[in-house]
Amino acid sequence: YRNWFQYRDPMTRQLRSLWRPAYVDEVISKPDLSK
């Protein structure tokens, strides 16, 4: 994660911008994430 995947993480930036507890599904759907 530190070396590679944090730079290819499709949802953490959006989740961070909320600054509140949130489901991952709020920023990316499971079908989209699974791809």
PDB file of all heavy atoms in Angstrom:
ATOM      1  N   TYR A   1       0.836  -1.203   0.000  1.00  0.00           N
ATOM      2  CA  TYR A   1       0.000   0.000   0.000  1.00  0.00           C
ATOM      3  C   TYR A   1       0.871   1.253   0.000  1.00  0.00           C
ATOM      4  O   TYR A   1       0.630   2.191  -0.768  1.00  0.00           O
ATOM      5  CB  TYR A   1      -0.927   0.027   1.217  1.00  0.00           C
ATOM      6  CG  TYR A   1      -1.824   1.258   1.224  1.00  0.00           C
ATOM      7  CD1 TYR A   1      -2.984   1.282   0.456  1.00  0.00           C
ATOM      8  CD2 TYR A   1      -1.485   2.387   1.950  1.00  0.00           C
ATOM      9  CE1 TYR A   1      -3.786   2.409   0.413  1.00  0.00           C
ATOM     10  CE2 TYR A   1      -2.283   3.526   1.922  1.00  0.00           C
ATOM     11  CZ  TYR A   1      -3.436   3.531   1.156  1.00  0.00           C
ATOM     12  OH  TYR A   1      -4.210   4.665   1.103  1.00  0.00           O
ATOM     13  N   ARG A   2       1.887   1.286   0.850  1.00  0.00           N
ATOM     14  CA  ARG A   2       2.721   2.485   0.965  1.00  0.00           C
ATOM     15  C   ARG A   2       3.495   2.761  -0.330  1.00  0.00           C
ATOM     16  O   ARG A   2       3.647   3.915  -0.737  1.00  0.00           O
ATOM     17  CB  ARG A   2       3.686   2.335   2.135  1.00  0.00           C
ATOM     18  CG  ARG A   2       3.003   2.217   3.480  1.00  0.00           C
ATOM     19  CD  ARG A   2       4.004   2.129   4.610  1.00  0.00           C
ATOM     20  NE  ARG A   2       4.682   3.393   4.829  1.00  0.00           N
ATOM     21  CZ  ARG A   2       5.691   3.565   5.672  1.00  0.00           C
ATOM     22  NH1 ARG A   2       6.154   2.532   6.353  1.00  0.00           N
ATOM     23  NH2 ARG A   2       6.251   4.754   5.824  1.00  0.00           N
ATOM     24  N   ASN A   3       3.974   1.701  -0.968  1.00  0.00           N
ATOM     25  CA  ASN A   3       4.839   1.875  -2.133  1.00  0.00           C
ATOM     26  C   ASN A   3       4.090   2.018  -3.454  1.00  0.00           C
ATOM     27  O   ASN A   3       4.600   2.654  -4.389  1.00  0.00           O
ATOM     28  CB  ASN A   3       5.808   0.695  -2.250  1.00  0.00           C
ATOM     29  CG  ASN A   3       6.813   0.656  -1.116  1.00  0.00           C
ATOM     30  OD1 ASN A   3       7.033   1.645  -0.423  1.00  0.00           O
ATOM     31  ND2 ASN A   3       7.428  -0.509  -0.916  1.00  0.00           N
ATOM     32  N   TRP A   4       2.885   1.425  -3.514  1.00  0.00           N
ATOM     33  CA  TRP A   4       2.214   1.354  -4.823  1.00  0.00           C
ATOM     34  C   TRP A   4       0.731   1.704  -4.772  1.00  0.00           C
ATOM     35  O   TRP A   4       0.264   2.612  -5.455  1.00  0.00           O
ATOM     36  CB  TRP A   4       2.409  -0.046  -5.400  1.00  0.00           C
ATOM     37  CG  TRP A   4       1.776  -0.274  -6.750  1.00  0.00           C
ATOM     38  CD1 TRP A   4       0.541  -0.813  -7.002  1.00  0.00           C
ATOM     39  CD2 TRP A   4       2.342   0.047  -8.030  1.00  0.00           C
ATOM     40  NE1 TRP A   4       0.301  -0.865  -8.356  1.00  0.00           N
ATOM     41  CE2 TRP A   4       1.400  -0.334  -9.014  1.00  0.00           C
ATOM     42  CE3 TRP A   4       3.547   0.626  -8.429  1.00  0.00           C
ATOM     43  CZ2 TRP A   4       1.629  -0.172 -10.374  1.00  0.00           C
ATOM     44  CZ3 TRP A   4       3.778   0.790  -9.800  1.00  0.00           C
ATOM     45  CH2 TRP A   4       2.823   0.393 -10.748  1.00  0.00           C
ATOM     46  N   PHE A   5      -0.017   1.001  -3.923  1.00  0.00           N
ATOM     47  CA  PHE A   5      -1.470   1.071  -4.044  1.00  0.00           C
ATOM     48  C   PHE A   5      -2.084   2.358  -3.510  1.00  0.00           C
ATOM     49  O   PHE A   5      -3.195   2.710  -3.913  1.00  0.00           O
ATOM     50  CB  PHE A   5      -2.113  -0.151  -3.380  1.00  0.00           C
ATOM     51  CG  PHE A   5      -1.946  -1.406  -4.181  1.00  0.00           C
ATOM     52  CD1 PHE A   5      -1.034  -2.380  -3.803  1.00  0.00           C
ATOM     53  CD2 PHE A   5      -2.664  -1.592  -5.348  1.00  0.00           C
ATOM     54  CE1 PHE A   5      -0.855  -3.522  -4.562  1.00  0.00           C
ATOM     55  CE2 PHE A   5      -2.502  -2.738  -6.121  1.00  0.00           C
ATOM     56  CZ  PHE A   5      -1.592  -3.704  -5.735  1.00  0.00           C
ATOM     57  N   GLN A   6      -1.420   3.074  -2.625  1.00  0.00           N
ATOM     58  CA  GLN A   6      -2.020   4.336  -2.183  1.00  0.00           C
ATOM     59  C   GLN A   6      -2.102   5.335  -3.337  1.00  0.00           C
ATOM     60  O   GLN A   6      -2.941   6.233  -3.317  1.00  0.00           O
ATOM     61  CB  GLN A   6      -1.260   4.932  -1.012  1.00  0.00           C
ATOM     62  CG  GLN A   6       0.109   5.503  -1.295  1.00  0.00           C
ATOM     63  CD  GLN A   6       0.597   6.365  -0.137  1.00  0.00           C
ATOM     64  OE1 GLN A   6      -0.078   7.301   0.289  1.00  0.00           O
ATOM     65  NE2 GLN A   6       1.763   6.019   0.402  1.00  0.00           N
ATOM     66  N   TYR A   7      -1.256   5.163  -4.339  1.00  0.00           N
ATOM     67  CA  TYR A   7      -1.278   6.053  -5.499  1.00  0.00           C
ATOM     68  C   TYR A   7      -2.253   5.565  -6.568  1.00  0.00           C
ATOM     69  O   TYR A   7      -2.446   6.227  -7.588  1.00  0.00           O
ATOM     70  CB  TYR A   7       0.132   6.169  -6.080  1.00  0.00           C
ATOM     71  CG  TYR A   7       1.157   6.577  -5.037  1.00  0.00           C
ATOM     72  CD1 TYR A   7       2.120   5.663  -4.590  1.00  0.00           C
ATOM     73  CD2 TYR A   7       1.133   7.845  -4.471  1.00  0.00           C
ATOM     74  CE1 TYR A   7       3.050   6.024  -3.624  1.00  0.00           C
ATOM     75  CE2 TYR A   7       2.054   8.208  -3.498  1.00  0.00           C
ATOM     76  CZ  TYR A   7       3.008   7.284  -3.080  1.00  0.00           C
ATOM     77  OH  TYR A   7       3.920   7.656  -2.101  1.00  0.00           O
ATOM     78  N   ARG A   8      -2.873   4.416  -6.329  1.00  0.00           N
ATOM     79  CA  ARG A   8      -3.866   3.850  -7.239  1.00  0.00           C
ATOM     80  C   ARG A   8      -5.172   3.555  -6.492  1.00  0.00           C
ATOM     81  O   ARG A   8      -5.979   2.762  -6.936  1.00  0.00           O
ATOM     82  CB  ARG A   8      -3.304   2.578  -7.892  1.00  0.00           C
ATOM     83  CG  ARG A   8      -2.214   2.892  -8.890  1.00  0.00           C
ATOM     84  CD  ARG A   8      -1.198   1.806  -9.039  1.00  0.00           C
ATOM     85  NE  ARG A   8      -0.156   2.223  -9.981  1.00  0.00           N
ATOM     86  CZ  ARG A   8       0.892   2.976  -9.633  1.00  0.00           C
ATOM     87  NH1 ARG A   8       1.049   3.357  -8.374  1.00  0.00           N
ATOM     88  NH2 ARG A   8       1.790   3.342 -10.539  1.00  0.00           N
ATOM     89  N   ASP A   9      -5.325   4.215  -5.364  1.00  0.00           N
ATOM     90  CA  ASP A   9      -6.491   4.054  -4.489  1.00  0.00           C
ATOM     91  C   ASP A   9      -7.640   4.892  -5.047  1.00  0.00           C
ATOM     92  O   ASP A   9      -7.539   6.117  -5.126  1.00  0.00           O
ATOM     93  CB  ASP A   9      -6.098   4.530  -3.083  1.00  0.00           C
ATOM     94  CG  ASP A   9      -7.190   4.334  -2.057  1.00  0.00           C
ATOM     95  OD1 ASP A   9      -8.372   4.340  -2.437  1.00  0.00           O
ATOM     96  OD2 ASP A   9      -6.866   4.209  -0.870  1.00  0.00           O
ATOM     97  N   PRO A  10      -8.752   4.247  -5.469  1.00  0.00           N
ATOM     98  CA  PRO A  10      -9.819   4.995  -6.148  1.00  0.00           C
ATOM     99  C   PRO A  10     -10.816   5.694  -5.221  1.00  0.00           C
ATOM    100  O   PRO A  10     -11.713   6.382  -5.706  1.00  0.00           O
ATOM    101  CB  PRO A  10     -10.531   3.898  -6.944  1.00  0.00           C
ATOM    102  CG  PRO A  10     -10.400   2.688  -6.061  1.00  0.00           C
ATOM    103  CD  PRO A  10      -9.033   2.804  -5.421  1.00  0.00           C
ATOM    104  N   MET A  11     -10.676   5.529  -3.867  1.00  0.00           N
ATOM    105  CA  MET A  11     -11.723   6.093  -3.024  1.00  0.00           C
ATOM    106  C   MET A  11     -11.233   6.892  -1.823  1.00  0.00           C
ATOM    107  O   MET A  11     -11.980   7.692  -1.268  1.00  0.00           O
ATOM    108  CB  MET A  11     -12.677   4.994  -2.541  1.00  0.00           C
ATOM    109  CG  MET A  11     -12.129   4.059  -1.493  1.00  0.00           C
ATOM    110  SD  MET A  11     -11.237   2.672  -2.189  1.00  0.00           S
ATOM    111  CE  MET A  11     -10.925   1.705  -0.725  1.00  0.00           C
ATOM    112  N   THR A  12      -9.977   6.702  -1.398  1.00  0.00           N
ATOM    113  CA  THR A  12      -9.566   7.309  -0.133  1.00  0.00           C
ATOM    114  C   THR A  12      -9.557   8.832  -0.190  1.00  0.00           C
ATOM    115  O   THR A  12      -9.929   9.499   0.786  1.00  0.00           O
ATOM    116  CB  THR A  12      -8.180   6.774   0.287  1.00  0.00           C
ATOM    117  OG1 THR A  12      -8.297   5.369   0.515  1.00  0.00           O
ATOM    118  CG2 THR A  12      -7.701   7.438   1.560  1.00  0.00           C
ATOM    119  N   ARG A  13      -9.161   9.420  -1.309  1.00  0.00           N
ATOM    120  CA  ARG A  13      -9.160  10.886  -1.400  1.00  0.00           C
ATOM    121  C   ARG A  13     -10.568  11.444  -1.219  1.00  0.00           C
ATOM    122  O   ARG A  13     -10.763  12.438  -0.507  1.00  0.00           O
ATOM    123  CB  ARG A  13      -8.581  11.337  -2.743  1.00  0.00           C
ATOM    124  CG  ARG A  13      -8.573  12.858  -2.917  1.00  0.00           C
ATOM    125  CD  ARG A  13      -7.921  13.271  -4.211  1.00  0.00           C
ATOM    126  NE  ARG A  13      -6.503  12.930  -4.237  1.00  0.00           N
ATOM    127  CZ  ARG A  13      -5.694  13.192  -5.265  1.00  0.00           C
ATOM    128  NH1 ARG A  13      -6.174  13.770  -6.342  1.00  0.00           N
ATOM    129  NH2 ARG A  13      -4.423  12.848  -5.211  1.00  0.00           N
ATOM    130  N   GLN A  14     -11.547  10.796  -1.844  1.00  0.00           N
ATOM    131  CA  GLN A  14     -12.934  11.264  -1.713  1.00  0.00           C
ATOM    132  C   GLN A  14     -13.458  11.058  -0.293  1.00  0.00           C
ATOM    133  O   GLN A  14     -14.171  11.916   0.243  1.00  0.00           O
ATOM    134  CB  GLN A  14     -13.829  10.537  -2.721  1.00  0.00           C
ATOM    135  CG  GLN A  14     -13.513  10.859  -4.180  1.00  0.00           C
ATOM    136  CD  GLN A  14     -12.581   9.829  -4.782  1.00  0.00           C
ATOM    137  OE1 GLN A  14     -11.598   9.412  -4.160  1.00  0.00           O
ATOM    138  NE2 GLN A  14     -12.884   9.421  -6.013  1.00  0.00           N
ATOM    139  N   LEU A  15     -13.135   9.917   0.309  1.00  0.00           N
ATOM    140  CA  LEU A  15     -13.561   9.661   1.681  1.00  0.00           C
ATOM    141  C   LEU A  15     -12.928  10.660   2.642  1.00  0.00           C
ATOM    142  O   LEU A  15     -13.574  11.152   3.566  1.00  0.00           O
ATOM    143  CB  LEU A  15     -13.188   8.229   2.082  1.00  0.00           C
ATOM    144  CG  LEU A  15     -14.012   7.124   1.432  1.00  0.00           C
ATOM    145  CD1 LEU A  15     -13.308   5.779   1.579  1.00  0.00           C
ATOM    146  CD2 LEU A  15     -15.408   7.059   2.048  1.00  0.00           C
ATOM    147  N   ARG A  16     -11.675  10.970   2.418  1.00  0.00           N
ATOM    148  CA  ARG A  16     -10.987  11.929   3.273  1.00  0.00           C
ATOM    149  C   ARG A  16     -11.634  13.311   3.185  1.00  0.00           C
ATOM    150  O   ARG A  16     -11.738  14.031   4.177  1.00  0.00           O
ATOM    151  CB  ARG A  16      -9.516  12.009   2.879  1.00  0.00           C
ATOM    152  CG  ARG A  16      -8.691  12.935   3.759  1.00  0.00           C
ATOM    153  CD  ARG A  16      -7.287  13.077   3.216  1.00  0.00           C
ATOM    154  NE  ARG A  16      -6.495  13.972   4.032  1.00  0.00           N
ATOM    155  CZ  ARG A  16      -5.409  14.599   3.606  1.00  0.00           C
ATOM    156  NH1 ARG A  16      -4.998  14.426   2.369  1.00  0.00           N
ATOM    157  NH2 ARG A  16      -4.736  15.396   4.405  1.00  0.00           N
ATOM    158  N   SER A  17     -12.097  13.698   2.003  1.00  0.00           N
ATOM    159  CA  SER A  17     -12.685  15.027   1.825  1.00  0.00           C
ATOM    160  C   SER A  17     -13.995  15.192   2.589  1.00  0.00           C
ATOM    161  O   SER A  17     -14.440  16.311   2.829  1.00  0.00           O
ATOM    162  CB  SER A  17     -12.922  15.304   0.338  1.00  0.00           C
ATOM    163  OG  SER A  17     -13.950  14.471  -0.186  1.00  0.00           O
ATOM    164  N   LEU A  18     -14.617  14.076   3.000  1.00  0.00           N
ATOM    165  CA  LEU A  18     -15.872  14.145   3.747  1.00  0.00           C
ATOM    166  C   LEU A  18     -15.639  14.527   5.206  1.00  0.00           C
ATOM    167  O   LEU A  18     -16.503  15.138   5.839  1.00  0.00           O
ATOM    168  CB  LEU A  18     -16.598  12.800   3.676  1.00  0.00           C
ATOM    169  CG  LEU A  18     -17.005  12.312   2.280  1.00  0.00           C
ATOM    170  CD1 LEU A  18     -17.624  10.928   2.381  1.00  0.00           C
ATOM    171  CD2 LEU A  18     -17.971  13.290   1.629  1.00  0.00           C
ATOM    172  N   TRP A  19     -14.518  14.101   5.782  1.00  0.00           N
ATOM    173  CA  TRP A  19     -14.174  14.362   7.188  1.00  0.00           C
ATOM    174  C   TRP A  19     -15.289  13.928   8.126  1.00  0.00           C
ATOM    175  O   TRP A  19     -15.633  14.619   9.079  1.00  0.00           O
ATOM    176  CB  TRP A  19     -13.824  15.836   7.408  1.00  0.00           C
ATOM    177  CG  TRP A  19     -12.623  16.277   6.633  1.00  0.00           C
ATOM    178  CD1 TRP A  19     -12.622  17.155   5.595  1.00  0.00           C
ATOM    179  CD2 TRP A  19     -11.261  15.869   6.815  1.00  0.00           C
ATOM    180  NE1 TRP A  19     -11.348  17.320   5.102  1.00  0.00           N
ATOM    181  CE2 TRP A  19     -10.487  16.547   5.839  1.00  0.00           C
ATOM    182  CE3 TRP A  19     -10.615  15.004   7.702  1.00  0.00           C
ATOM    183  CZ2 TRP A  19      -9.107  16.382   5.732  1.00  0.00           C
ATOM    184  CZ3 TRP A  19      -9.245  14.834   7.592  1.00  0.00           C
ATOM    185  CH2 TRP A  19      -8.506  15.516   6.620  1.00  0.00           C
ATOM    186  N   ARG A  20     -15.851  12.760   7.869  1.00  0.00           N
ATOM    187  CA  ARG A  20     -16.888  12.164   8.721  1.00  0.00           C
ATOM    188  C   ARG A  20     -16.918  10.671   8.461  1.00  0.00           C
ATOM    189  O   ARG A  20     -16.407  10.196   7.434  1.00  0.00           O
ATOM    190  CB  ARG A  20     -18.260  12.780   8.419  1.00  0.00           C
ATOM    191  CG  ARG A  20     -18.741  12.562   6.983  1.00  0.00           C
ATOM    192  CD  ARG A  20     -20.183  12.959   6.790  1.00  0.00           C
ATOM    193  NE  ARG A  20     -20.582  12.922   5.388  1.00  0.00           N
ATOM    194  CZ  ARG A  20     -20.910  11.824   4.708  1.00  0.00           C
ATOM    195  NH1 ARG A  20     -20.848  10.635   5.314  1.00  0.00           N
ATOM    196  NH2 ARG A  20     -21.283  11.881   3.449  1.00  0.00           N
ATOM    197  N   PRO A  21     -17.511   9.894   9.370  1.00  0.00           N
ATOM    198  CA  PRO A  21     -17.644   8.457   9.105  1.00  0.00           C
ATOM    199  C   PRO A  21     -18.455   8.212   7.838  1.00  0.00           C
ATOM    200  O   PRO A  21     -19.510   8.829   7.646  1.00  0.00           O
ATOM    201  CB  PRO A  21     -18.375   7.935  10.351  1.00  0.00           C
ATOM    202  CG  PRO A  21     -18.073   8.938  11.423  1.00  0.00           C
ATOM    203  CD  PRO A  21     -18.017  10.255  10.714  1.00  0.00           C
ATOM    204  N   ALA A  22     -17.975   7.339   6.984  1.00  0.00           N
ATOM    205  CA  ALA A  22     -18.663   7.106   5.715  1.00  0.00           C
ATOM    206  C   ALA A  22     -18.388   5.696   5.212  1.00  0.00           C
ATOM    207  O   ALA A  22     -17.309   5.131   5.430  1.00  0.00           O
ATOM    208  CB  ALA A  22     -18.212   8.121   4.665  1.00  0.00           C
ATOM    209  N   TYR A  23     -19.385   5.141   4.523  1.00  0.00           N
ATOM    210  CA  TYR A  23     -19.196   3.867   3.845  1.00  0.00           C
ATOM    211  C   TYR A  23     -18.346   4.097   2.595  1.00  0.00           C
ATOM    212  O   TYR A  23     -18.463   5.140   1.934  1.00  0.00           O
ATOM    213  CB  TYR A  23     -20.533   3.280   3.400  1.00  0.00           C
ATOM    214  CG  TYR A  23     -21.590   3.154   4.458  1.00  0.00           C
ATOM    215  CD1 TYR A  23     -22.703   3.998   4.457  1.00  0.00           C
ATOM    216  CD2 TYR A  23     -21.512   2.190   5.461  1.00  0.00           C
ATOM    217  CE1 TYR A  23     -23.697   3.872   5.415  1.00  0.00           C
ATOM    218  CE2 TYR A  23     -22.499   2.065   6.417  1.00  0.00           C
ATOM    219  CZ  TYR A  23     -23.597   2.912   6.393  1.00  0.00           C
ATOM    220  OH  TYR A  23     -24.576   2.798   7.348  1.00  0.00           O
ATOM    221  N   VAL A  24     -17.529   3.126   2.233  1.00  0.00           N
ATOM    222  CA  VAL A  24     -16.786   3.207   0.985  1.00  0.00           C
ATOM    223  C   VAL A  24     -17.751   3.341  -0.187  1.00  0.00           C
ATOM    224  O   VAL A  24     -17.490   4.060  -1.166  1.00  0.00           O
ATOM    225  CB  VAL A  24     -15.877   1.973   0.822  1.00  0.00           C
ATOM    226  CG1 VAL A  24     -15.327   1.879  -0.600  1.00  0.00           C
ATOM    227  CG2 VAL A  24     -14.722   2.024   1.834  1.00  0.00           C
ATOM    228  N   ASP A  25     -18.915   2.676  -0.082  1.00  0.00           N
ATOM    229  CA  ASP A  25     -19.915   2.712  -1.157  1.00  0.00           C
ATOM    230  C   ASP A  25     -20.418   4.121  -1.453  1.00  0.00           C
ATOM    231  O   ASP A  25     -20.996   4.366  -2.518  1.00  0.00           O
ATOM    232  CB  ASP A  25     -21.129   1.852  -0.788  1.00  0.00           C
ATOM    233  CG  ASP A  25     -20.789   0.377  -0.704  1.00  0.00           C
ATOM    234  OD1 ASP A  25     -19.611   0.038  -0.878  1.00  0.00           O
ATOM    235  OD2 ASP A  25     -21.692  -0.432  -0.447  1.00  0.00           O
ATOM    236  N   GLU A  26     -20.223   5.059  -0.532  1.00  0.00           N
ATOM    237  CA  GLU A  26     -20.697   6.429  -0.758  1.00  0.00           C
ATOM    238  C   GLU A  26     -19.930   7.118  -1.876  1.00  0.00           C
ATOM    239  O   GLU A  26     -20.447   8.038  -2.510  1.00  0.00           O
ATOM    240  CB  GLU A  26     -20.583   7.266   0.517  1.00  0.00           C
ATOM    241  CG  GLU A  26     -21.582   6.912   1.596  1.00  0.00           C
ATOM    242  CD  GLU A  26     -21.537   7.909   2.749  1.00  0.00           C
ATOM    243  OE1 GLU A  26     -21.518   9.124   2.485  1.00  0.00           O
ATOM    244  OE2 GLU A  26     -21.536   7.461   3.910  1.00  0.00           O
ATOM    245  N   VAL A  27     -18.675   6.709  -2.103  1.00  0.00           N
ATOM    246  CA  VAL A  27     -17.858   7.410  -3.087  1.00  0.00           C
ATOM    247  C   VAL A  27     -17.543   6.559  -4.314  1.00  0.00           C
ATOM    248  O   VAL A  27     -17.118   7.086  -5.338  1.00  0.00           O
ATOM    249  CB  VAL A  27     -16.543   7.924  -2.452  1.00  0.00           C
ATOM    250  CG1 VAL A  27     -16.844   8.908  -1.329  1.00  0.00           C
ATOM    251  CG2 VAL A  27     -15.685   6.781  -1.942  1.00  0.00           C
ATOM    252  N   ILE A  28     -17.733   5.239  -4.202  1.00  0.00           N
ATOM    253  CA  ILE A  28     -17.540   4.368  -5.356  1.00  0.00           C
ATOM    254  C   ILE A  28     -18.405   3.123  -5.177  1.00  0.00           C
ATOM    255  O   ILE A  28     -18.412   2.501  -4.114  1.00  0.00           O
ATOM    256  CB  ILE A  28     -16.053   3.980  -5.543  1.00  0.00           C
ATOM    257  CG1 ILE A  28     -15.865   3.157  -6.824  1.00  0.00           C
ATOM    258  CG2 ILE A  28     -15.497   3.263  -4.325  1.00  0.00           C
ATOM    259  CD1 ILE A  28     -14.398   2.943  -7.203  1.00  0.00           C
ATOM    260  N   SER A  29     -19.148   2.775  -6.207  1.00  0.00           N
ATOM    261  CA  SER A  29     -20.036   1.616  -6.112  1.00  0.00           C
ATOM    262  C   SER A  29     -19.211   0.329  -6.108  1.00  0.00           C
ATOM    263  O   SER A  29     -18.070   0.292  -6.605  1.00  0.00           O
ATOM    264  CB  SER A  29     -21.007   1.592  -7.290  1.00  0.00           C
ATOM    265  OG  SER A  29     -20.317   1.324  -8.501  1.00  0.00           O
ATOM    266  N   LYS A  30     -19.797  -0.717  -5.547  1.00  0.00           N
ATOM    267  CA  LYS A  30     -19.081  -1.997  -5.516  1.00  0.00           C
ATOM    268  C   LYS A  30     -18.756  -2.523  -6.913  1.00  0.00           C
ATOM    269  O   LYS A  30     -17.658  -3.038  -7.141  1.00  0.00           O
ATOM    270  CB  LYS A  30     -19.876  -3.015  -4.706  1.00  0.00           C
ATOM    271  CG  LYS A  30     -19.763  -2.782  -3.206  1.00  0.00           C
ATOM    272  CD  LYS A  30     -20.324  -3.937  -2.411  1.00  0.00           C
ATOM    273  CE  LYS A  30     -20.076  -3.708  -0.919  1.00  0.00           C
ATOM    274  NZ  LYS A  30     -20.610  -4.792  -0.078  1.00  0.00           N
ATOM    275  N   PRO A  31     -19.689  -2.424  -7.877  1.00  0.00           N
ATOM    276  CA  PRO A  31     -19.336  -2.886  -9.239  1.00  0.00           C
ATOM    277  C   PRO A  31     -18.152  -2.123  -9.815  1.00  0.00           C
ATOM    278  O   PRO A  31     -17.275  -2.720 -10.456  1.00  0.00           O
ATOM    279  CB  PRO A  31     -20.619  -2.625 -10.033  1.00  0.00           C
ATOM    280  CG  PRO A  31     -21.708  -2.707  -9.008  1.00  0.00           C
ATOM    281  CD  PRO A  31     -21.124  -2.097  -7.770  1.00  0.00           C
ATOM    282  N   ASP A  32     -18.095  -0.799  -9.581  1.00  0.00           N
ATOM    283  CA  ASP A  32     -16.977  -0.009 -10.102  1.00  0.00           C
ATOM    284  C   ASP A  32     -15.680  -0.340  -9.367  1.00  0.00           C
ATOM    285  O   ASP A  32     -14.613  -0.439  -9.984  1.00  0.00           O
ATOM    286  CB  ASP A  32     -17.276   1.483  -9.985  1.00  0.00           C
ATOM    287  CG  ASP A  32     -18.316   1.952 -10.992  1.00  0.00           C
ATOM    288  OD1 ASP A  32     -18.549   1.226 -11.978  1.00  0.00           O
ATOM    289  OD2 ASP A  32     -18.898   3.030 -10.780  1.00  0.00           O
ATOM    290  N   LEU A  33     -15.780  -0.503  -8.036  1.00  0.00           N
ATOM    291  CA  LEU A  33     -14.589  -0.833  -7.260  1.00  0.00           C
ATOM    292  C   LEU A  33     -14.019  -2.181  -7.683  1.00  0.00           C
ATOM    293  O   LEU A  33     -12.802  -2.357  -7.771  1.00  0.00           O
ATOM    294  CB  LEU A  33     -14.929  -0.848  -5.770  1.00  0.00           C
ATOM    295  CG  LEU A  33     -13.789  -1.203  -4.802  1.00  0.00           C
ATOM    296  CD1 LEU A  33     -12.645  -0.201  -4.928  1.00  0.00           C
ATOM    297  CD2 LEU A  33     -14.299  -1.266  -3.370  1.00  0.00           C
ATOM    298  N   SER A  34     -14.919  -3.129  -7.958  1.00  0.00           N
ATOM    299  CA  SER A  34     -14.470  -4.489  -8.291  1.00  0.00           C
ATOM    300  C   SER A  34     -13.696  -4.559  -9.606  1.00  0.00           C
ATOM    301  O   SER A  34     -13.018  -5.559  -9.878  1.00  0.00           O
ATOM    302  CB  SER A  34     -15.674  -5.438  -8.362  1.00  0.00           C
ATOM    303  OG  SER A  34     -16.514  -5.113  -9.453  1.00  0.00           O
ATOM    304  N   LYS A  35     -13.761  -3.498 -10.404  1.00  0.00           N
ATOM    305  CA  LYS A  35     -13.041  -3.479 -11.686  1.00  0.00           C
ATOM    306  C   LYS A  35     -11.634  -2.901 -11.549  1.00  0.00           C
ATOM    307  O   LYS A  35     -10.870  -2.910 -12.521  1.00  0.00           O
ATOM    308  CB  LYS A  35     -13.826  -2.642 -12.707  1.00  0.00           C
ATOM    309  CG  LYS A  35     -15.214  -3.172 -13.009  1.00  0.00           C
ATOM    310  CD  LYS A  35     -15.975  -2.187 -13.900  1.00  0.00           C
ATOM    311  CE  LYS A  35     -17.416  -2.640 -14.107  1.00  0.00           C
ATOM    312  NZ  LYS A  35     -18.201  -1.636 -14.896  1.00  0.00           N
TER     313      LYS A  35
END
